[in-house]
Structures are given as C-alpha cells and as structure tokens.
Amino acid sequence: MTRSRAHSALLHGFLILVAVGTLAPLLYTVLTSFKLQRDIYTGVFWFEPTMLNYDELFFSRRSTFFQLTQNSVVVGLGSMLLVLVAGTLGAYSMARFRWRKIYTALVLGWLVFVHMLPPVTLVGPFYLTSRALGIYDTPWAIIFAHTVLNLPLAFWMLHSYFTDIPKELEEAAAIDGASNIQSFWHIMLPLTKPGLAATAVLVFVFSWKDFLFALSLGSTANSYTIPVGIAGFVQEYNIRYGEMAAAAFFATLPALILVVLAQRQIVKGLTLGALKG
C-alpha cells in the first residue's frame, strides 16, 4: 500500500511539474501584458498592473489590430468551412461508394504525401498561384493555402468515421424510402458529429496560429493576421514587449475557448478506433 501511494505521489508530482512548465510561459505573457515598459525592462516581480498595453493595442491610432483580428477570424472560419465541406463529401464518397482499390489507394496516398511535405516548400507555388488568380494580399489567398494544407488531415479523420458506421443503417433508411442525400444528411452527419467537431476545431486552430503563409501571401494589413501583427511589434530600434504580450494573450483566447467547449468531441474524435483489436 505504501509503495502504491509513493508511486501515485511521484506520478502526480511529475504531472504537476509538466503542467507548471506548460503554463509558465502563458502566465509570464499575461503578467507582462499588464506591465509598464520600465517594469518589463527591470524585470520586477511586484508591479502595479496597468491596462495601457491593451489600450494601445485596441484603441491607438497607429494600431491595426482590429483589422488583423477580423482577417484571422475570416481566414479561420473560411478555411474551416471549405475543409469540412470538401473533406466530408470526399471522405463519405471514398468510404461508401464503390471505388476501385487502386483509386482509393492513390487518393489516400496522395493526401498523406501532401500532409508530409514541409509547408515551406509550398510557399512558392501558392504565391505564384495567388498572383495569377489576382487574390494576392487578400484573405482568400490564405484561405486557399490553409484549405489545401488542412484537407488531408480532415479527410483521414472523417474517412475513419464514415468507415466505422455500419452500412446496415443506410440500407434500413433506403428500405424506408430515403434517398442517398437524405441518408447522408439525416443519418451519417449526425453520427459523425464528434469527428466533425474535432476536425473543425483542429483546422481552425491550425489556421488561426499560422504565420508562414499569412506573411508570404500578403504585404499589407488587408490580409495580415494576428501572428504577423505580433511579429510587427519587433521594430528596428524598439521592441514593444507590452503590446506584444497583450496581443499574444488575446490570440490564445479563441483557440482556448474552442478547445474547452469541444473537449469531449475532440477526445472522442481523435481516439476513434484506438480500442479496436
């Protein structure tokens, strides 16, 4: 019994250390966002909190943070919707319709290959494509890039969900007179809600935090997102640490809220099939 308690205490102590190590940078960022510039430079632990950094971030004449936030929301939601529509239809088609095995293997293999490519290798093609389509320096260019990057993950997750749903449910619906579209809409989609929720949250978070393509496919605040705006606080002769910390903390809130609200669905979606023998 004593050995079991000691093992449990060590395990909990280790988990607490991991949690502290994970949350420490976020806590430091939050504290820095409420410090004056002089307190940041001196590194004092006790300080008088101030909202000056947030006031400068949101209400200063030189600030474009509202525009950056709007772009991040548009890019995140736009890529999420496109990925869900394309991924759902494609995964359902591959899981239910009679495709030749060679076609299925080619499609799945190609998606894995695209997902394994380093994203930086695709910056050039996406840049040239956005220029040719006339969407450079607009949110559409970033949405297009994020859709291509996140589609393989969404396809694989949703494909596993559709494959694990018994075909007898659709056959029973067909006997009752339901068409393929009705069966897909009223039976398959409700049963795949955990997978859809997990996919939506992951795609949105990946799009929300992207820096590389948001910087490469735009040149002004018309298309820049929050990560690019945070990097802009590093200037030639000055680094605006307080505003940078305030923007970084604000940028974590939407993803944190989404993960908390959809935590059960995400866990259920990511662990699908993990217990199958």
Protein backbone atom coordinates (compact mmCIF):
# COMPACT_ATOMS: atom_id res chain seq x y z
CA MET A 1 0.00 0.00 0.00
CA THR A 2 2.83 2.40 0.90
CA ARG A 3 4.62 1.66 -2.38
CA SER A 4 1.40 2.32 -4.29
CA ARG A 5 0.93 5.67 -2.54
CA ALA A 6 4.53 6.65 -3.21
CA HIS A 7 4.15 5.74 -6.89
CA SER A 8 0.92 7.77 -7.09
CA ALA A 9 2.59 10.75 -5.37
CA LEU A 10 5.52 10.65 -7.79
CA LEU A 11 3.20 10.40 -10.76
CA HIS A 12 1.07 13.33 -9.60
CA GLY A 13 4.19 15.36 -8.81
CA PHE A 14 5.54 14.73 -12.30
CA LEU A 15 2.21 15.72 -13.89
CA ILE A 16 2.13 18.90 -11.80
CA LEU A 17 5.65 19.80 -12.97
CA VAL A 18 4.64 19.21 -16.58
CA ALA A 19 1.53 21.37 -16.12
CA VAL A 20 3.55 24.16 -14.48
CA GLY A 21 6.17 24.01 -17.22
CA THR A 22 3.44 24.20 -19.86
CA LEU A 23 1.51 27.04 -18.26
CA ALA A 24 4.51 29.09 -17.08
CA PRO A 25 5.12 30.82 -20.47
CA LEU A 26 1.41 31.71 -20.72
CA LEU A 27 1.42 33.09 -17.17
CA TYR A 28 4.55 35.11 -17.91
CA THR A 29 2.90 36.52 -21.04
CA VAL A 30 -0.22 37.50 -19.10
CA LEU A 31 1.80 39.24 -16.39
CA THR A 32 3.93 41.05 -18.97
CA SER A 33 0.82 42.34 -20.73
CA PHE A 34 -0.13 44.25 -17.55
CA LYS A 35 3.33 45.79 -17.00
CA LEU A 36 4.67 49.17 -17.98
CA GLN A 37 7.68 49.20 -20.27
CA ARG A 38 10.02 50.16 -17.43
CA ASP A 39 8.77 47.25 -15.30
CA ILE A 40 9.37 44.87 -18.19
CA TYR A 41 12.95 46.07 -18.66
CA THR A 42 13.77 45.94 -14.94
CA GLY A 43 12.15 42.53 -14.53
CA VAL A 44 10.44 43.38 -11.21
CA PHE A 45 8.10 40.74 -9.81
CA TRP A 46 5.87 43.14 -7.86
CA PHE A 47 4.37 45.84 -10.04
CA GLU A 48 1.26 47.95 -10.38
CA PRO A 49 -0.99 46.44 -13.09
CA THR A 50 -1.99 48.69 -15.94
CA MET A 51 -4.27 48.37 -18.96
CA LEU A 52 -2.10 50.71 -21.03
CA ASN A 53 -0.85 47.92 -23.31
CA TYR A 54 -4.37 46.78 -24.14
CA ASP A 55 -5.46 50.38 -24.66
CA GLU A 56 -2.59 50.91 -27.11
CA LEU A 57 -3.33 47.59 -28.79
CA PHE A 58 -7.01 48.20 -29.47
CA PHE A 59 -7.58 51.96 -29.43
CA SER A 60 -4.34 53.58 -30.58
CA ARG A 61 -4.47 55.44 -33.89
CA ARG A 62 -1.46 53.55 -35.18
CA SER A 63 -2.95 50.15 -34.28
CA THR A 64 -4.43 47.87 -36.93
CA PHE A 65 -5.22 45.05 -34.50
CA PHE A 66 -8.97 45.11 -35.17
CA GLN A 67 -8.28 44.58 -38.86
CA LEU A 68 -5.82 41.78 -38.05
CA THR A 69 -8.38 40.09 -35.79
CA GLN A 70 -11.05 40.36 -38.46
CA ASN A 71 -8.70 38.80 -41.01
CA SER A 72 -7.81 35.96 -38.63
CA VAL A 73 -11.50 35.20 -38.00
CA VAL A 74 -12.35 35.30 -41.71
CA VAL A 75 -9.38 33.09 -42.63
CA GLY A 76 -10.01 30.62 -39.81
CA LEU A 77 -13.75 30.25 -40.43
CA GLY A 78 -13.38 30.28 -44.22
CA SER A 79 -10.75 27.55 -44.32
CA MET A 80 -12.66 25.54 -41.70
CA LEU A 81 -15.89 25.61 -43.73
CA LEU A 82 -14.17 24.74 -47.00
CA VAL A 83 -12.22 21.89 -45.41
CA LEU A 84 -15.33 20.49 -43.71
CA VAL A 85 -17.39 20.56 -46.92
CA ALA A 86 -14.70 19.09 -49.16
CA GLY A 87 -13.42 16.65 -46.55
CA THR A 88 -16.88 15.39 -45.59
CA LEU A 89 -18.05 14.81 -49.16
CA GLY A 90 -14.74 13.26 -50.22
CA ALA A 91 -14.45 11.01 -47.17
CA TYR A 92 -18.06 9.84 -47.48
CA SER A 93 -17.56 9.10 -51.16
CA MET A 94 -14.43 7.04 -50.54
CA ALA A 95 -15.98 5.19 -47.61
CA ARG A 96 -19.35 4.34 -49.14
CA PHE A 97 -19.22 4.34 -52.94
CA ARG A 98 -17.65 1.53 -54.92
CA TRP A 99 -14.28 2.82 -55.98
CA ARG A 100 -11.55 0.64 -57.36
CA LYS A 101 -8.96 -0.13 -54.73
CA ILE A 102 -6.22 1.38 -56.86
CA TYR A 103 -8.08 4.71 -56.99
CA THR A 104 -8.69 4.68 -53.24
CA ALA A 105 -5.04 3.88 -52.55
CA LEU A 106 -3.86 6.64 -54.91
CA VAL A 107 -6.11 9.28 -53.33
CA LEU A 108 -5.25 8.34 -49.75
CA GLY A 109 -1.57 8.03 -50.57
CA TRP A 110 -1.51 11.39 -52.30
CA LEU A 111 -3.17 13.06 -49.32
CA VAL A 112 -0.61 11.53 -46.97
CA PHE A 113 2.19 12.74 -49.24
CA VAL A 114 0.81 16.31 -49.26
CA HIS A 115 0.41 16.23 -45.48
CA MET A 116 4.02 15.07 -45.01
CA LEU A 117 5.50 17.85 -47.16
CA PRO A 118 7.16 20.67 -45.22
CA PRO A 119 4.77 23.64 -45.57
CA VAL A 120 7.61 25.96 -46.58
CA THR A 121 8.03 24.03 -49.84
CA LEU A 122 4.54 25.13 -50.89
CA VAL A 123 5.04 28.85 -50.28
CA GLY A 124 6.38 29.48 -53.79
CA PRO A 125 3.58 27.68 -55.67
CA PHE A 126 0.89 29.31 -53.52
CA TYR A 127 2.47 32.73 -54.07
CA LEU A 128 2.54 32.32 -57.84
CA THR A 129 -0.99 30.90 -57.89
CA SER A 130 -2.42 33.74 -55.80
CA ARG A 131 -0.72 36.25 -58.09
CA ALA A 132 -2.14 34.56 -61.17
CA LEU A 133 -5.65 34.45 -59.70
CA GLY A 134 -5.48 38.06 -58.55
CA ILE A 135 -6.12 37.25 -54.90
CA TYR A 136 -2.67 38.10 -53.53
CA ASP A 137 -2.80 40.26 -50.39
CA THR A 138 -6.38 39.21 -49.65
CA PRO A 139 -7.72 36.74 -47.07
CA TRP A 140 -8.76 34.46 -49.93
CA ALA A 141 -5.16 33.62 -50.75
CA ILE A 142 -4.52 32.46 -47.18
CA ILE A 143 -7.83 30.58 -47.05
CA PHE A 144 -6.89 28.75 -50.23
CA ALA A 145 -3.49 27.76 -48.80
CA HIS A 146 -4.88 26.66 -45.44
CA THR A 147 -7.58 24.60 -47.13
CA VAL A 148 -5.02 22.65 -49.14
CA LEU A 149 -2.80 22.14 -46.08
CA ASN A 150 -5.55 21.01 -43.70
CA LEU A 151 -7.66 18.94 -46.11
CA PRO A 152 -5.55 15.73 -45.81
CA LEU A 153 -5.94 15.62 -42.02
CA ALA A 154 -9.67 16.28 -42.22
CA PHE A 155 -10.11 13.67 -44.95
CA TRP A 156 -8.37 10.94 -42.98
CA MET A 157 -10.22 11.70 -39.74
CA LEU A 158 -13.65 11.78 -41.38
CA HIS A 159 -12.92 8.79 -43.58
CA SER A 160 -12.27 6.65 -40.50
CA TYR A 161 -15.57 7.83 -39.02
CA PHE A 162 -17.66 7.04 -42.09
CA THR A 163 -15.96 3.66 -42.48
CA ASP A 164 -16.83 2.64 -38.91
CA ILE A 165 -20.55 3.45 -39.26
CA PRO A 166 -22.48 0.24 -40.08
CA LYS A 167 -23.82 0.15 -43.63
CA GLU A 168 -26.97 -1.50 -42.31
CA LEU A 169 -28.20 1.88 -41.10
CA GLU A 170 -28.19 3.28 -44.61
CA GLU A 171 -29.71 0.10 -46.01
CA ALA A 172 -32.55 0.36 -43.49
CA ALA A 173 -33.07 4.00 -44.46
CA ALA A 174 -33.14 3.03 -48.16
CA ILE A 175 -35.79 0.42 -47.44
CA ASP A 176 -37.88 3.14 -45.77
CA GLY A 177 -37.59 5.25 -48.93
CA ALA A 178 -34.73 7.58 -48.06
CA SER A 179 -32.51 8.76 -50.90
CA ASN A 180 -28.72 8.84 -50.71
CA ILE A 181 -28.77 12.55 -49.92
CA GLN A 182 -31.37 12.11 -47.18
CA SER A 183 -29.44 9.21 -45.70
CA PHE A 184 -26.24 11.25 -45.74
CA TRP A 185 -27.86 14.33 -44.21
CA HIS A 186 -30.10 12.74 -41.58
CA ILE A 187 -28.09 9.65 -40.60
CA MET A 188 -24.41 9.91 -41.45
CA LEU A 189 -23.76 13.52 -40.48
CA PRO A 190 -25.44 13.31 -37.04
CA LEU A 191 -23.45 10.16 -36.26
CA THR A 192 -20.19 11.86 -37.21
CA LYS A 193 -20.67 14.95 -35.03
CA PRO A 194 -17.65 14.12 -32.82
CA GLY A 195 -15.43 13.77 -35.87
CA LEU A 196 -16.80 16.95 -37.44
CA ALA A 197 -16.29 18.90 -34.20
CA ALA A 198 -12.74 17.63 -33.74
CA THR A 199 -11.87 18.36 -37.35
CA ALA A 200 -13.41 21.85 -37.23
CA VAL A 201 -11.54 22.84 -34.06
CA LEU A 202 -8.19 21.49 -35.28
CA VAL A 203 -8.49 23.18 -38.68
CA PHE A 204 -9.49 26.49 -37.10
CA VAL A 205 -6.64 26.39 -34.59
CA PHE A 206 -4.06 25.48 -37.26
CA SER A 207 -5.32 28.32 -39.43
CA TRP A 208 -5.52 30.78 -36.54
CA LYS A 209 -1.90 30.29 -35.49
CA ASP A 210 -0.30 30.13 -38.95
CA PHE A 211 2.43 32.68 -39.56
CA LEU A 212 4.28 31.49 -42.66
CA PHE A 213 1.52 31.72 -45.26
CA ALA A 214 -0.13 34.76 -43.70
CA LEU A 215 3.18 36.59 -44.13
CA SER A 216 4.07 35.18 -47.56
CA LEU A 217 0.71 35.69 -49.26
CA GLY A 218 0.19 39.29 -48.22
CA SER A 219 2.04 42.58 -47.94
CA THR A 220 -0.34 44.89 -46.04
CA ALA A 221 -2.81 44.86 -43.17
CA ASN A 222 -5.53 43.98 -45.71
CA SER A 223 -4.54 40.32 -45.41
CA TYR A 224 -2.21 40.10 -42.41
CA THR A 225 -3.44 38.03 -39.49
CA ILE A 226 -2.70 38.26 -35.76
CA PRO A 227 0.57 36.24 -35.79
CA VAL A 228 2.02 38.59 -38.41
CA GLY A 229 0.82 41.58 -36.42
CA ILE A 230 2.52 40.25 -33.27
CA ALA A 231 5.80 39.93 -35.17
CA GLY A 232 5.38 43.55 -36.28
CA PHE A 233 5.90 44.75 -32.70
CA VAL A 234 9.60 43.96 -33.19
CA GLN A 235 10.82 47.18 -34.74
CA GLU A 236 14.22 48.47 -35.79
CA TYR A 237 15.05 50.45 -32.67
CA ASN A 238 12.44 49.21 -30.23
CA ILE A 239 10.52 46.10 -29.22
CA ARG A 240 7.06 46.80 -27.86
CA TYR A 241 7.04 43.95 -25.37
CA GLY A 242 3.91 45.02 -23.52
CA GLU A 243 1.70 45.26 -26.60
CA MET A 244 3.24 42.08 -27.96
CA ALA A 245 2.34 40.22 -24.77
CA ALA A 246 -1.19 41.65 -24.77
CA ALA A 247 -1.71 40.60 -28.40
CA ALA A 248 -0.27 37.14 -27.74
CA PHE A 249 -2.58 36.59 -24.76
CA PHE A 250 -5.58 37.82 -26.74
CA ALA A 251 -4.67 35.48 -29.60
CA THR A 252 -4.77 32.43 -27.31
CA LEU A 253 -8.33 33.07 -26.09
CA PRO A 254 -10.39 31.91 -29.13
CA ALA A 255 -8.46 28.65 -29.51
CA LEU A 256 -8.61 28.05 -25.75
CA ILE A 257 -12.37 28.65 -25.65
CA LEU A 258 -12.98 26.34 -28.62
CA VAL A 259 -10.90 23.54 -27.12
CA VAL A 260 -12.67 23.83 -23.75
CA LEU A 261 -16.15 23.85 -25.29
CA ALA A 262 -15.45 20.95 -27.67
CA GLN A 263 -13.08 18.98 -25.44
CA ARG A 264 -15.22 15.86 -25.28
CA GLN A 265 -15.85 15.85 -29.01
CA ILE A 266 -12.15 16.34 -29.76
CA VAL A 267 -11.08 13.48 -27.50
CA LYS A 268 -13.77 11.23 -28.94
CA GLY A 269 -12.83 12.16 -32.48
CA LEU A 270 -9.08 11.69 -32.03
CA THR A 271 -9.40 8.38 -30.16
CA LEU A 272 -11.74 6.79 -32.68
CA GLY A 273 -10.71 3.20 -33.25
CA ALA A 274 -7.93 3.29 -30.67
CA LEU A 275 -9.51 0.43 -28.70
CA LYS A 276 -10.18 -1.80 -31.66
CA GLY A 277 -8.23 -5.02 -31.82
